[in-house]
Amino acid sequence: MRPFASDAILSSDGAKVPMSIATTDCSRPMPTISRQIVVSNERGLHARPAMQFVEAANGFKCAVSVEKKGDDPMLVDGKSIMAMITLAATQGTELFIQAEGEDAAAAVEKLSALFHDKFGEDP
């Protein structure tokens, strides 16, 4: 018996998994959702709110990125604390949150709400 039959693959624990389950349907585009937000809390996106954002982003399966435009534009991985801190987003900075994947809409909604609520810092 061959280890990789044409109709199945082996999982990491050695179990055979049907190809229809093991492969992704690449013909279907993944949903992409984005939203523009403005950093409104007084101290900007410092370490604590950046960590709140990253923890929330990592609760979703979708890819999350954050883009800052303007004089010092950058696009960073929203699931990385170091990347989020490099945005140096002060109060008033416009950011674009983008998520791609099946739970993208829920991710953008939750992540935008953090900014709307000023990360619980300001009244």
PDB file of N, CA and C in Angstrom:
ATOM      1  N   MET A   1       0.838  -1.175   0.000  1.00  0.00           N
ATOM      2  CA  MET A   1       0.000   0.000   0.000  1.00  0.00           C
ATOM      3  C   MET A   1       0.890   1.248   0.000  1.00  0.00           C
ATOM      4  N   ARG A   2       0.592   2.184  -0.888  1.00  0.00           N
ATOM      5  CA  ARG A   2       1.353   3.429  -0.965  1.00  0.00           C
ATOM      6  C   ARG A   2       0.967   4.345   0.195  1.00  0.00           C
ATOM      7  N   PRO A   3       1.907   5.140   0.751  1.00  0.00           N
ATOM      8  CA  PRO A   3       1.561   6.022   1.862  1.00  0.00           C
ATOM      9  C   PRO A   3       0.621   7.155   1.453  1.00  0.00           C
ATOM     10  N   PHE A   4       0.675   7.591   0.195  1.00  0.00           N
ATOM     11  CA  PHE A   4      -0.208   8.653  -0.272  1.00  0.00           C
ATOM     12  C   PHE A   4      -1.024   8.139  -1.448  1.00  0.00           C
ATOM     13  N   ALA A   5      -2.198   7.668  -1.152  1.00  0.00           N
ATOM     14  CA  ALA A   5      -3.103   7.234  -2.214  1.00  0.00           C
ATOM     15  C   ALA A   5      -3.676   8.471  -2.884  1.00  0.00           C
ATOM     16  N   SER A   6      -4.121   8.340  -4.096  1.00  0.00           N
ATOM     17  CA  SER A   6      -4.617   9.492  -4.837  1.00  0.00           C
ATOM     18  C   SER A   6      -5.898  10.069  -4.245  1.00  0.00           C
ATOM     19  N   ASP A   7      -6.603   9.290  -3.448  1.00  0.00           N
ATOM     20  CA  ASP A   7      -7.852   9.783  -2.883  1.00  0.00           C
ATOM     21  C   ASP A   7      -7.747  10.161  -1.404  1.00  0.00           C
ATOM     22  N   ALA A   8      -6.527  10.114  -0.828  1.00  0.00           N
ATOM     23  CA  ALA A   8      -6.362  10.449   0.584  1.00  0.00           C
ATOM     24  C   ALA A   8      -4.937  10.903   0.843  1.00  0.00           C
ATOM     25  N   ILE A   9      -4.752  11.616   1.957  1.00  0.00           N
ATOM     26  CA  ILE A   9      -3.414  11.983   2.418  1.00  0.00           C
ATOM     27  C   ILE A   9      -3.290  11.551   3.868  1.00  0.00           C
ATOM     28  N   LEU A  10      -2.076  11.570   4.388  1.00  0.00           N
ATOM     29  CA  LEU A  10      -1.857  11.210   5.783  1.00  0.00           C
ATOM     30  C   LEU A  10      -1.802  12.473   6.634  1.00  0.00           C
ATOM     31  N   SER A  11      -2.494  12.465   7.754  1.00  0.00           N
ATOM     32  CA  SER A  11      -2.438  13.592   8.680  1.00  0.00           C
ATOM     33  C   SER A  11      -1.182  13.463   9.522  1.00  0.00           C
ATOM     34  N   SER A  12      -0.917  14.436  10.395  1.00  0.00           N
ATOM     35  CA  SER A  12       0.287  14.417  11.215  1.00  0.00           C
ATOM     36  C   SER A  12       0.340  13.227  12.158  1.00  0.00           C
ATOM     37  N   ASP A  13      -0.833  12.658  12.506  1.00  0.00           N
ATOM     38  CA  ASP A  13      -0.835  11.488  13.389  1.00  0.00           C
ATOM     39  C   ASP A  13      -0.879  10.178  12.612  1.00  0.00           C
ATOM     40  N   GLY A  14      -0.715  10.255  11.281  1.00  0.00           N
ATOM     41  CA  GLY A  14      -0.666   9.063  10.452  1.00  0.00           C
ATOM     42  C   GLY A  14      -2.009   8.573   9.949  1.00  0.00           C
ATOM     43  N   ALA A  15      -3.093   9.210  10.328  1.00  0.00           N
ATOM     44  CA  ALA A  15      -4.426   8.795   9.876  1.00  0.00           C
ATOM     45  C   ALA A  15      -4.654   9.249   8.443  1.00  0.00           C
ATOM     46  N   LYS A  16      -5.370   8.440   7.691  1.00  0.00           N
ATOM     47  CA  LYS A  16      -5.710   8.817   6.328  1.00  0.00           C
ATOM     48  C   LYS A  16      -6.878   9.794   6.348  1.00  0.00           C
ATOM     49  N   VAL A  17      -6.743  10.875   5.592  1.00  0.00           N
ATOM     50  CA  VAL A  17      -7.778  11.901   5.508  1.00  0.00           C
ATOM     51  C   VAL A  17      -8.195  12.006   4.045  1.00  0.00           C
ATOM     52  N   PRO A  18      -9.508  11.893   3.761  1.00  0.00           N
ATOM     53  CA  PRO A  18      -9.947  12.024   2.367  1.00  0.00           C
ATOM     54  C   PRO A  18      -9.511  13.365   1.780  1.00  0.00           C
ATOM     55  N   MET A  19      -9.103  13.362   0.504  1.00  0.00           N
ATOM     56  CA  MET A  19      -8.641  14.578  -0.155  1.00  0.00           C
ATOM     57  C   MET A  19      -9.693  15.680  -0.112  1.00  0.00           C
ATOM     58  N   SER A  20     -10.956  15.336  -0.188  1.00  0.00           N
ATOM     59  CA  SER A  20     -11.998  16.355  -0.194  1.00  0.00           C
ATOM     60  C   SER A  20     -12.021  17.142   1.110  1.00  0.00           C
ATOM     61  N   ILE A  21     -11.555  16.558   2.209  1.00  0.00           N
ATOM     62  CA  ILE A  21     -11.487  17.242   3.494  1.00  0.00           C
ATOM     63  C   ILE A  21     -10.137  17.936   3.648  1.00  0.00           C
ATOM     64  N   ALA A  22      -9.088  17.335   3.126  1.00  0.00           N
ATOM     65  CA  ALA A  22      -7.735  17.819   3.354  1.00  0.00           C
ATOM     66  C   ALA A  22      -7.364  19.020   2.492  1.00  0.00           C
ATOM     67  N   THR A  23      -8.054  19.247   1.412  1.00  0.00           N
ATOM     68  CA  THR A  23      -7.698  20.354   0.538  1.00  0.00           C
ATOM     69  C   THR A  23      -8.677  21.492   0.681  1.00  0.00           C
ATOM     70  N   THR A  24      -8.230  22.673   0.308  1.00  0.00           N
ATOM     71  CA  THR A  24      -9.054  23.874   0.359  1.00  0.00           C
ATOM     72  C   THR A  24      -9.581  24.164  -1.029  1.00  0.00           C
ATOM     73  N   ASP A  25     -10.810  24.617  -1.122  1.00  0.00           N
ATOM     74  CA  ASP A  25     -11.402  24.986  -2.399  1.00  0.00           C
ATOM     75  C   ASP A  25     -10.881  26.363  -2.771  1.00  0.00           C
ATOM     76  N   CYS A  26      -9.893  26.406  -3.659  1.00  0.00           N
ATOM     77  CA  CYS A  26      -9.274  27.667  -4.045  1.00  0.00           C
ATOM     78  C   CYS A  26     -10.110  28.446  -5.061  1.00  0.00           C
ATOM     79  N   SER A  27     -11.164  27.841  -5.569  1.00  0.00           N
ATOM     80  CA  SER A  27     -11.993  28.533  -6.550  1.00  0.00           C
ATOM     81  C   SER A  27     -12.905  29.557  -5.882  1.00  0.00           C
ATOM     82  N   ARG A  28     -13.134  29.416  -4.578  1.00  0.00           N
ATOM     83  CA  ARG A  28     -13.973  30.367  -3.840  1.00  0.00           C
ATOM     84  C   ARG A  28     -13.107  31.448  -3.241  1.00  0.00           C
ATOM     85  N   PRO A  29     -13.343  32.720  -3.577  1.00  0.00           N
ATOM     86  CA  PRO A  29     -12.548  33.775  -2.954  1.00  0.00           C
ATOM     87  C   PRO A  29     -12.915  33.924  -1.478  1.00  0.00           C
ATOM     88  N   MET A  30     -11.913  34.213  -0.677  1.00  0.00           N
ATOM     89  CA  MET A  30     -12.143  34.424   0.756  1.00  0.00           C
ATOM     90  C   MET A  30     -12.699  35.829   0.943  1.00  0.00           C
ATOM     91  N   PRO A  31     -13.674  35.994   1.822  1.00  0.00           N
ATOM     92  CA  PRO A  31     -14.220  37.329   2.061  1.00  0.00           C
ATOM     93  C   PRO A  31     -13.152  38.264   2.640  1.00  0.00           C
ATOM     94  N   THR A  32     -13.116  39.480   2.134  1.00  0.00           N
ATOM     95  CA  THR A  32     -12.208  40.500   2.640  1.00  0.00           C
ATOM     96  C   THR A  32     -13.045  41.690   3.087  1.00  0.00           C
ATOM     97  N   ILE A  33     -12.856  42.093   4.327  1.00  0.00           N
ATOM     98  CA  ILE A  33     -13.603  43.204   4.908  1.00  0.00           C
ATOM     99  C   ILE A  33     -12.590  44.224   5.421  1.00  0.00           C
ATOM    100  N   SER A  34     -12.854  45.500   5.184  1.00  0.00           N
ATOM    101  CA  SER A  34     -11.968  46.523   5.729  1.00  0.00           C
ATOM    102  C   SER A  34     -12.792  47.686   6.263  1.00  0.00           C
ATOM    103  N   ARG A  35     -12.189  48.414   7.185  1.00  0.00           N
ATOM    104  CA  ARG A  35     -12.859  49.557   7.786  1.00  0.00           C
ATOM    105  C   ARG A  35     -11.813  50.589   8.188  1.00  0.00           C
ATOM    106  N   GLN A  36     -12.125  51.841   7.927  1.00  0.00           N
ATOM    107  CA  GLN A  36     -11.261  52.937   8.345  1.00  0.00           C
ATOM    108  C   GLN A  36     -11.660  53.356   9.752  1.00  0.00           C
ATOM    109  N   ILE A  37     -10.661  53.536  10.596  1.00  0.00           N
ATOM    110  CA  ILE A  37     -10.909  54.003  11.959  1.00  0.00           C
ATOM    111  C   ILE A  37      -9.934  55.138  12.261  1.00  0.00           C
ATOM    112  N   VAL A  38     -10.209  55.876  13.309  1.00  0.00           N
ATOM    113  CA  VAL A  38      -9.311  56.930  13.771  1.00  0.00           C
ATOM    114  C   VAL A  38      -8.954  56.631  15.216  1.00  0.00           C
ATOM    115  N   VAL A  39      -7.669  56.685  15.524  1.00  0.00           N
ATOM    116  CA  VAL A  39      -7.222  56.478  16.897  1.00  0.00           C
ATOM    117  C   VAL A  39      -7.708  57.677  17.703  1.00  0.00           C
ATOM    118  N   SER A  40      -8.587  57.424  18.661  1.00  0.00           N
ATOM    119  CA  SER A  40      -9.187  58.537  19.393  1.00  0.00           C
ATOM    120  C   SER A  40      -8.772  58.604  20.862  1.00  0.00           C
ATOM    121  N   ASN A  41      -8.155  57.545  21.386  1.00  0.00           N
ATOM    122  CA  ASN A  41      -7.746  57.637  22.787  1.00  0.00           C
ATOM    123  C   ASN A  41      -6.533  58.554  22.918  1.00  0.00           C
ATOM    124  N   GLU A  42      -6.475  59.249  24.017  1.00  0.00           N
ATOM    125  CA  GLU A  42      -5.508  60.320  24.235  1.00  0.00           C
ATOM    126  C   GLU A  42      -4.053  59.898  24.052  1.00  0.00           C
ATOM    127  N   ARG A  43      -3.712  58.719  24.524  1.00  0.00           N
ATOM    128  CA  ARG A  43      -2.309  58.276  24.459  1.00  0.00           C
ATOM    129  C   ARG A  43      -1.982  57.472  23.213  1.00  0.00           C
ATOM    130  N   GLY A  44      -2.921  57.343  22.309  1.00  0.00           N
ATOM    131  CA  GLY A  44      -2.672  56.638  21.058  1.00  0.00           C
ATOM    132  C   GLY A  44      -2.589  55.130  21.237  1.00  0.00           C
ATOM    133  N   LEU A  45      -2.024  54.476  20.235  1.00  0.00           N
ATOM    134  CA  LEU A  45      -1.927  53.015  20.228  1.00  0.00           C
ATOM    135  C   LEU A  45      -0.600  52.600  20.867  1.00  0.00           C
ATOM    136  N   HIS A  46      -0.510  52.732  22.185  1.00  0.00           N
ATOM    137  CA  HIS A  46       0.696  52.334  22.912  1.00  0.00           C
ATOM    138  C   HIS A  46       0.611  50.835  23.231  1.00  0.00           C
ATOM    139  N   ALA A  47       1.497  50.335  24.052  1.00  0.00           N
ATOM    140  CA  ALA A  47       1.631  48.891  24.264  1.00  0.00           C
ATOM    141  C   ALA A  47       0.354  48.200  24.749  1.00  0.00           C
ATOM    142  N   ARG A  48      -0.338  48.762  25.747  1.00  0.00           N
ATOM    143  CA  ARG A  48      -1.517  48.075  26.285  1.00  0.00           C
ATOM    144  C   ARG A  48      -2.641  47.942  25.255  1.00  0.00           C
ATOM    145  N   PRO A  49      -3.056  49.021  24.578  1.00  0.00           N
ATOM    146  CA  PRO A  49      -4.105  48.840  23.577  1.00  0.00           C
ATOM    147  C   PRO A  49      -3.640  48.004  22.376  1.00  0.00           C
ATOM    148  N   ALA A  50      -2.368  48.102  22.028  1.00  0.00           N
ATOM    149  CA  ALA A  50      -1.855  47.275  20.935  1.00  0.00           C
ATOM    150  C   ALA A  50      -1.984  45.794  21.301  1.00  0.00           C
ATOM    151  N   MET A  51      -1.687  45.464  22.558  1.00  0.00           N
ATOM    152  CA  MET A  51      -1.809  44.076  23.010  1.00  0.00           C
ATOM    153  C   MET A  51      -3.265  43.633  23.032  1.00  0.00           C
ATOM    154  N   GLN A  52      -4.176  44.516  23.447  1.00  0.00           N
ATOM    155  CA  GLN A  52      -5.604  44.188  23.409  1.00  0.00           C
ATOM    156  C   GLN A  52      -6.025  43.866  21.975  1.00  0.00           C
ATOM    157  N   PHE A  53      -5.569  44.688  21.032  1.00  0.00           N
ATOM    158  CA  PHE A  53      -5.897  44.490  19.631  1.00  0.00           C
ATOM    159  C   PHE A  53      -5.378  43.136  19.148  1.00  0.00           C
ATOM    160  N   VAL A  54      -4.110  42.851  19.426  1.00  0.00           N
ATOM    161  CA  VAL A  54      -3.475  41.605  18.967  1.00  0.00           C
ATOM    162  C   VAL A  54      -4.163  40.384  19.586  1.00  0.00           C
ATOM    163  N   GLU A  55      -4.475  40.451  20.870  1.00  0.00           N
ATOM    164  CA  GLU A  55      -5.168  39.332  21.519  1.00  0.00           C
ATOM    165  C   GLU A  55      -6.529  39.091  20.879  1.00  0.00           C
ATOM    166  N   ALA A  56      -7.254  40.160  20.592  1.00  0.00           N
ATOM    167  CA  ALA A  56      -8.558  40.015  19.943  1.00  0.00           C
ATOM    168  C   ALA A  56      -8.395  39.475  18.526  1.00  0.00           C
ATOM    169  N   ALA A  57      -7.431  39.992  17.785  1.00  0.00           N
ATOM    170  CA  ALA A  57      -7.196  39.548  16.404  1.00  0.00           C
ATOM    171  C   ALA A  57      -6.839  38.068  16.357  1.00  0.00           C
ATOM    172  N   ASN A  58      -6.052  37.618  17.323  1.00  0.00           N
ATOM    173  CA  ASN A  58      -5.652  36.208  17.350  1.00  0.00           C
ATOM    174  C   ASN A  58      -6.791  35.276  17.735  1.00  0.00           C
ATOM    175  N   GLY A  59      -7.906  35.826  18.157  1.00  0.00           N
ATOM    176  CA  GLY A  59      -9.089  35.017  18.445  1.00  0.00           C
ATOM    177  C   GLY A  59      -9.868  34.639  17.198  1.00  0.00           C
ATOM    178  N   PHE A  60      -9.420  35.110  16.046  1.00  0.00           N
ATOM    179  CA  PHE A  60     -10.089  34.823  14.776  1.00  0.00           C
ATOM    180  C   PHE A  60      -9.169  34.022  13.867  1.00  0.00           C
ATOM    181  N   LYS A  61      -9.763  33.254  12.979  1.00  0.00           N
ATOM    182  CA  LYS A  61      -8.988  32.456  12.030  1.00  0.00           C
ATOM    183  C   LYS A  61      -8.460  33.288  10.867  1.00  0.00           C
ATOM    184  N   CYS A  62      -9.166  34.350  10.523  1.00  0.00           N
ATOM    185  CA  CYS A  62      -8.813  35.151   9.350  1.00  0.00           C
ATOM    186  C   CYS A  62      -7.485  35.884   9.539  1.00  0.00           C
ATOM    187  N   ALA A  63      -6.895  36.278   8.416  1.00  0.00           N
ATOM    188  CA  ALA A  63      -5.705  37.124   8.446  1.00  0.00           C
ATOM    189  C   ALA A  63      -6.149  38.545   8.754  1.00  0.00           C
ATOM    190  N   VAL A  64      -5.388  39.249   9.577  1.00  0.00           N
ATOM    191  CA  VAL A  64      -5.721  40.623   9.948  1.00  0.00           C
ATOM    192  C   VAL A  64      -4.502  41.499   9.662  1.00  0.00           C
ATOM    193  N   SER A  65      -4.733  42.595   8.948  1.00  0.00           N
ATOM    194  CA  SER A  65      -3.663  43.559   8.717  1.00  0.00           C
ATOM    195  C   SER A  65      -4.169  44.950   9.056  1.00  0.00           C
ATOM    196  N   VAL A  66      -3.233  45.834   9.351  1.00  0.00           N
ATOM    197  CA  VAL A  66      -3.562  47.217   9.674  1.00  0.00           C
ATOM    198  C   VAL A  66      -2.650  48.100   8.835  1.00  0.00           C
ATOM    199  N   GLU A  67      -3.265  49.064   8.177  1.00  0.00           N
ATOM    200  CA  GLU A  67      -2.509  49.958   7.299  1.00  0.00           C
ATOM    201  C   GLU A  67      -2.601  51.388   7.805  1.00  0.00           C
ATOM    202  N   LYS A  68      -1.453  52.054   7.806  1.00  0.00           N
ATOM    203  CA  LYS A  68      -1.390  53.480   8.121  1.00  0.00           C
ATOM    204  C   LYS A  68      -0.924  54.182   6.857  1.00  0.00           C
ATOM    205  N   LYS A  69      -1.692  55.159   6.428  1.00  0.00           N
ATOM    206  CA  LYS A  69      -1.319  55.919   5.235  1.00  0.00           C
ATOM    207  C   LYS A  69      -0.739  57.251   5.672  1.00  0.00           C
ATOM    208  N   GLY A  70      -0.379  58.082   4.742  1.00  0.00           N
ATOM    209  CA  GLY A  70       0.135  59.400   5.085  1.00  0.00           C
ATOM    210  C   GLY A  70       1.620  59.515   4.829  1.00  0.00           C
ATOM    211  N   ASP A  71       2.283  60.370   5.634  1.00  0.00           N
ATOM    212  CA  ASP A  71       3.707  60.651   5.438  1.00  0.00           C
ATOM    213  C   ASP A  71       4.596  59.446   5.706  1.00  0.00           C
ATOM    214  N   ASP A  72       4.193  58.601   6.631  1.00  0.00           N
ATOM    215  CA  ASP A  72       4.981  57.422   7.010  1.00  0.00           C
ATOM    216  C   ASP A  72       4.110  56.172   6.861  1.00  0.00           C
ATOM    217  N   PRO A  73       3.726  55.819   5.612  1.00  0.00           N
ATOM    218  CA  PRO A  73       2.788  54.716   5.421  1.00  0.00           C
ATOM    219  C   PRO A  73       3.419  53.364   5.748  1.00  0.00           C
ATOM    220  N   MET A  74       2.587  52.470   6.260  1.00  0.00           N
ATOM    221  CA  MET A  74       3.040  51.090   6.489  1.00  0.00           C
ATOM    222  C   MET A  74       1.843  50.162   6.598  1.00  0.00           C
ATOM    223  N   LEU A  75       2.078  48.921   6.277  1.00  0.00           N
ATOM    224  CA  LEU A  75       1.084  47.856   6.383  1.00  0.00           C
ATOM    225  C   LEU A  75       1.687  46.803   7.292  1.00  0.00           C
ATOM    226  N   VAL A  76       0.962  46.445   8.376  1.00  0.00           N
ATOM    227  CA  VAL A  76       1.516  45.502   9.344  1.00  0.00           C
ATOM    228  C   VAL A  76       0.539  44.358   9.619  1.00  0.00           C
ATOM    229  N   ASP A  77       1.081  43.288  10.158  1.00  0.00           N
ATOM    230  CA  ASP A  77       0.300  42.129  10.587  1.00  0.00           C
ATOM    231  C   ASP A  77      -0.401  42.479  11.897  1.00  0.00           C
ATOM    232  N   GLY A  78      -1.729  42.471  11.886  1.00  0.00           N
ATOM    233  CA  GLY A  78      -2.504  42.815  13.063  1.00  0.00           C
ATOM    234  C   GLY A  78      -2.472  41.771  14.157  1.00  0.00           C
ATOM    235  N   LYS A  79      -1.800  40.660  13.922  1.00  0.00           N
ATOM    236  CA  LYS A  79      -1.695  39.611  14.932  1.00  0.00           C
ATOM    237  C   LYS A  79      -0.315  39.595  15.585  1.00  0.00           C
ATOM    238  N   SER A  80       0.471  40.623  15.318  1.00  0.00           N
ATOM    239  CA  SER A  80       1.827  40.726  15.869  1.00  0.00           C
ATOM    240  C   SER A  80       1.949  41.988  16.725  1.00  0.00           C
ATOM    241  N   ILE A  81       2.288  41.824  17.997  1.00  0.00           N
ATOM    242  CA  ILE A  81       2.411  42.971  18.893  1.00  0.00           C
ATOM    243  C   ILE A  81       3.528  43.902  18.428  1.00  0.00           C
ATOM    244  N   MET A  82       4.649  43.371  18.011  1.00  0.00           N
ATOM    245  CA  MET A  82       5.761  44.215  17.565  1.00  0.00           C
ATOM    246  C   MET A  82       5.363  45.014  16.326  1.00  0.00           C
ATOM    247  N   ALA A  83       4.664  44.385  15.412  1.00  0.00           N
ATOM    248  CA  ALA A  83       4.235  45.080  14.199  1.00  0.00           C
ATOM    249  C   ALA A  83       3.257  46.200  14.533  1.00  0.00           C
ATOM    250  N   MET A  84       2.328  45.936  15.434  1.00  0.00           N
ATOM    251  CA  MET A  84       1.331  46.947  15.787  1.00  0.00           C
ATOM    252  C   MET A  84       1.986  48.155  16.474  1.00  0.00           C
ATOM    253  N   ILE A  85       2.966  47.923  17.315  1.00  0.00           N
ATOM    254  CA  ILE A  85       3.633  49.024  18.000  1.00  0.00           C
ATOM    255  C   ILE A  85       4.422  49.885  17.011  1.00  0.00           C
ATOM    256  N   THR A  86       4.973  49.270  15.959  1.00  0.00           N
ATOM    257  CA  THR A  86       5.740  50.054  14.980  1.00  0.00           C
ATOM    258  C   THR A  86       4.880  51.044  14.206  1.00  0.00           C
ATOM    259  N   LEU A  87       3.561  50.901  14.274  1.00  0.00           N
ATOM    260  CA  LEU A  87       2.692  51.876  13.610  1.00  0.00           C
ATOM    261  C   LEU A  87       2.855  53.274  14.212  1.00  0.00           C
ATOM    262  N   ALA A  88       3.235  53.341  15.480  1.00  0.00           N
ATOM    263  CA  ALA A  88       3.389  54.623  16.179  1.00  0.00           C
ATOM    264  C   ALA A  88       2.166  55.504  15.936  1.00  0.00           C
ATOM    265  N   ALA A  89       0.994  54.922  16.125  1.00  0.00           N
ATOM    266  CA  ALA A  89      -0.275  55.601  15.849  1.00  0.00           C
ATOM    267  C   ALA A  89      -0.688  56.460  17.032  1.00  0.00           C
ATOM    268  N   THR A  90      -0.556  57.749  16.879  1.00  0.00           N
ATOM    269  CA  THR A  90      -0.944  58.699  17.922  1.00  0.00           C
ATOM    270  C   THR A  90      -2.416  59.070  17.758  1.00  0.00           C
ATOM    271  N   GLN A  91      -2.940  59.808  18.714  1.00  0.00           N
ATOM    272  CA  GLN A  91      -4.328  60.249  18.641  1.00  0.00           C
ATOM    273  C   GLN A  91      -4.537  61.020  17.334  1.00  0.00           C
ATOM    274  N   GLY A  92      -5.597  60.662  16.628  1.00  0.00           N
ATOM    275  CA  GLY A  92      -5.923  61.301  15.362  1.00  0.00           C
ATOM    276  C   GLY A  92      -5.416  60.558  14.133  1.00  0.00           C
ATOM    277  N   THR A  93      -4.599  59.539  14.320  1.00  0.00           N
ATOM    278  CA  THR A  93      -4.075  58.767  13.192  1.00  0.00           C
ATOM    279  C   THR A  93      -5.192  57.939  12.561  1.00  0.00           C
ATOM    280  N   GLU A  94      -5.286  57.989  11.233  1.00  0.00           N
ATOM    281  CA  GLU A  94      -6.249  57.151  10.504  1.00  0.00           C
ATOM    282  C   GLU A  94      -5.597  55.823  10.182  1.00  0.00           C
ATOM    283  N   LEU A  95      -6.301  54.745  10.505  1.00  0.00           N
ATOM    284  CA  LEU A  95      -5.837  53.391  10.213  1.00  0.00           C
ATOM    285  C   LEU A  95      -6.914  52.658   9.435  1.00  0.00           C
ATOM    286  N   PHE A  96      -6.500  51.666   8.686  1.00  0.00           N
ATOM    287  CA  PHE A  96      -7.424  50.814   7.952  1.00  0.00           C
ATOM    288  C   PHE A  96      -7.223  49.388   8.443  1.00  0.00           C
ATOM    289  N   ILE A  97      -8.259  48.820   9.028  1.00  0.00           N
ATOM    290  CA  ILE A  97      -8.226  47.436   9.485  1.00  0.00           C
ATOM    291  C   ILE A  97      -8.764  46.582   8.346  1.00  0.00           C
ATOM    292  N   GLN A  98      -8.039  45.534   7.981  1.00  0.00           N
ATOM    293  CA  GLN A  98      -8.492  44.634   6.926  1.00  0.00           C
ATOM    294  C   GLN A  98      -8.372  43.195   7.411  1.00  0.00           C
ATOM    295  N   ALA A  99      -9.409  42.419   7.150  1.00  0.00           N
ATOM    296  CA  ALA A  99      -9.393  40.999   7.510  1.00  0.00           C
ATOM    297  C   ALA A  99      -9.810  40.193   6.296  1.00  0.00           C
ATOM    298  N   GLU A 100      -9.158  39.056   6.120  1.00  0.00           N
ATOM    299  CA  GLU A 100      -9.468  38.176   5.000  1.00  0.00           C
ATOM    300  C   GLU A 100      -9.639  36.755   5.524  1.00  0.00           C
ATOM    301  N   GLY A 101     -10.827  36.206   5.298  1.00  0.00           N
ATOM    302  CA  GLY A 101     -11.126  34.852   5.740  1.00  0.00           C
ATOM    303  C   GLY A 101     -12.593  34.736   6.096  1.00  0.00           C
ATOM    304  N   GLU A 102     -12.978  33.544   6.483  1.00  0.00           N
ATOM    305  CA  GLU A 102     -14.388  33.267   6.728  1.00  0.00           C
ATOM    306  C   GLU A 102     -14.990  34.107   7.849  1.00  0.00           C
ATOM    307  N   ASP A 103     -14.201  34.440   8.856  1.00  0.00           N
ATOM    308  CA  ASP A 103     -14.735  35.225   9.976  1.00  0.00           C
ATOM    309  C   ASP A 103     -14.268  36.685   9.927  1.00  0.00           C
ATOM    310  N   ALA A 104     -13.981  37.166   8.732  1.00  0.00           N
ATOM    311  CA  ALA A 104     -13.457  38.521   8.549  1.00  0.00           C
ATOM    312  C   ALA A 104     -14.413  39.600   9.056  1.00  0.00           C
ATOM    313  N   ALA A 105     -15.692  39.473   8.768  1.00  0.00           N
ATOM    314  CA  ALA A 105     -16.655  40.498   9.188  1.00  0.00           C
ATOM    315  C   ALA A 105     -16.706  40.611  10.708  1.00  0.00           C
ATOM    316  N   ALA A 106     -16.747  39.488  11.397  1.00  0.00           N
ATOM    317  CA  ALA A 106     -16.784  39.499  12.861  1.00  0.00           C
ATOM    318  C   ALA A 106     -15.495  40.084  13.431  1.00  0.00           C
ATOM    319  N   ALA A 107     -14.370  39.770  12.806  1.00  0.00           N
ATOM    320  CA  ALA A 107     -13.086  40.287  13.280  1.00  0.00           C
ATOM    321  C   ALA A 107     -13.024  41.801  13.150  1.00  0.00           C
ATOM    322  N   VAL A 108     -13.390  42.318  11.988  1.00  0.00           N
ATOM    323  CA  VAL A 108     -13.330  43.769  11.776  1.00  0.00           C
ATOM    324  C   VAL A 108     -14.291  44.483  12.723  1.00  0.00           C
ATOM    325  N   GLU A 109     -15.451  43.898  12.953  1.00  0.00           N
ATOM    326  CA  GLU A 109     -16.424  44.496  13.867  1.00  0.00           C
ATOM    327  C   GLU A 109     -15.845  44.599  15.282  1.00  0.00           C
ATOM    328  N   LYS A 110     -15.277  43.501  15.767  1.00  0.00           N
ATOM    329  CA  LYS A 110     -14.732  43.491  17.134  1.00  0.00           C
ATOM    330  C   LYS A 110     -13.521  44.401  17.265  1.00  0.00           C
ATOM    331  N   LEU A 111     -12.635  44.382  16.282  1.00  0.00           N
ATOM    332  CA  LEU A 111     -11.418  45.194  16.353  1.00  0.00           C
ATOM    333  C   LEU A 111     -11.737  46.684  16.243  1.00  0.00           C
ATOM    334  N   SER A 112     -12.702  47.032  15.422  1.00  0.00           N
ATOM    335  CA  SER A 112     -13.132  48.427  15.302  1.00  0.00           C
ATOM    336  C   SER A 112     -13.755  48.913  16.599  1.00  0.00           C
ATOM    337  N   ALA A 113     -14.490  48.036  17.266  1.00  0.00           N
ATOM    338  CA  ALA A 113     -15.139  48.397  18.533  1.00  0.00           C
ATOM    339  C   ALA A 113     -14.101  48.762  19.595  1.00  0.00           C
ATOM    340  N   LEU A 114     -12.942  48.122  19.577  1.00  0.00           N
ATOM    341  CA  LEU A 114     -11.884  48.469  20.532  1.00  0.00           C
ATOM    342  C   LEU A 114     -11.476  49.932  20.375  1.00  0.00           C
ATOM    343  N   PHE A 115     -11.310  50.349  19.122  1.00  0.00           N
ATOM    344  CA  PHE A 115     -10.948  51.755  18.864  1.00  0.00           C
ATOM    345  C   PHE A 115     -12.096  52.679  19.253  1.00  0.00           C
ATOM    346  N   HIS A 116     -13.318  52.291  18.912  1.00  0.00           N
ATOM    347  CA  HIS A 116     -14.490  53.111  19.235  1.00  0.00           C
ATOM    348  C   HIS A 116     -14.601  53.316  20.739  1.00  0.00           C
ATOM    349  N   ASP A 117     -14.291  52.284  21.495  1.00  0.00           N
ATOM    350  CA  ASP A 117     -14.385  52.343  22.961  1.00  0.00           C
ATOM    351  C   ASP A 117     -13.098  52.881  23.602  1.00  0.00           C
ATOM    352  N   LYS A 118     -12.178  53.348  22.765  1.00  0.00           N
ATOM    353  CA  LYS A 118     -10.892  53.920  23.228  1.00  0.00           C
ATOM    354  C   LYS A 118     -10.118  52.954  24.112  1.00  0.00           C
ATOM    355  N   PHE A 119     -10.288  51.675  23.845  1.00  0.00           N
ATOM    356  CA  PHE A 119      -9.586  50.626  24.589  1.00  0.00           C
ATOM    357  C   PHE A 119      -9.832  50.721  26.095  1.00  0.00           C
ATOM    358  N   GLY A 120     -10.954  51.327  26.462  1.00  0.00           N
ATOM    359  CA  GLY A 120     -11.318  51.444  27.866  1.00  0.00           C
ATOM    360  C   GLY A 120     -10.479  52.448  28.644  1.00  0.00           C
ATOM    361  N   GLU A 121      -9.747  53.303  27.940  1.00  0.00           N
ATOM    362  CA  GLU A 121      -8.847  54.243  28.621  1.00  0.00           C
ATOM    363  C   GLU A 121      -9.461  55.595  28.932  1.00  0.00           C
ATOM    364  N   ASP A 122     -10.110  56.199  27.971  1.00  0.00           N
ATOM    365  CA  ASP A 122     -10.650  57.546  28.136  1.00  0.00           C
ATOM    366  C   ASP A 122     -12.155  57.487  28.387  1.00  0.00           C
ATOM    367  N   PRO A 123     -12.688  58.453  29.116  1.00  0.00           N
ATOM    368  CA  PRO A 123     -14.152  58.467  29.356  1.00  0.00           C
ATOM    369  C   PRO A 123     -14.930  58.762  28.088  1.00  0.00           C
TER     370      PRO A 123
END
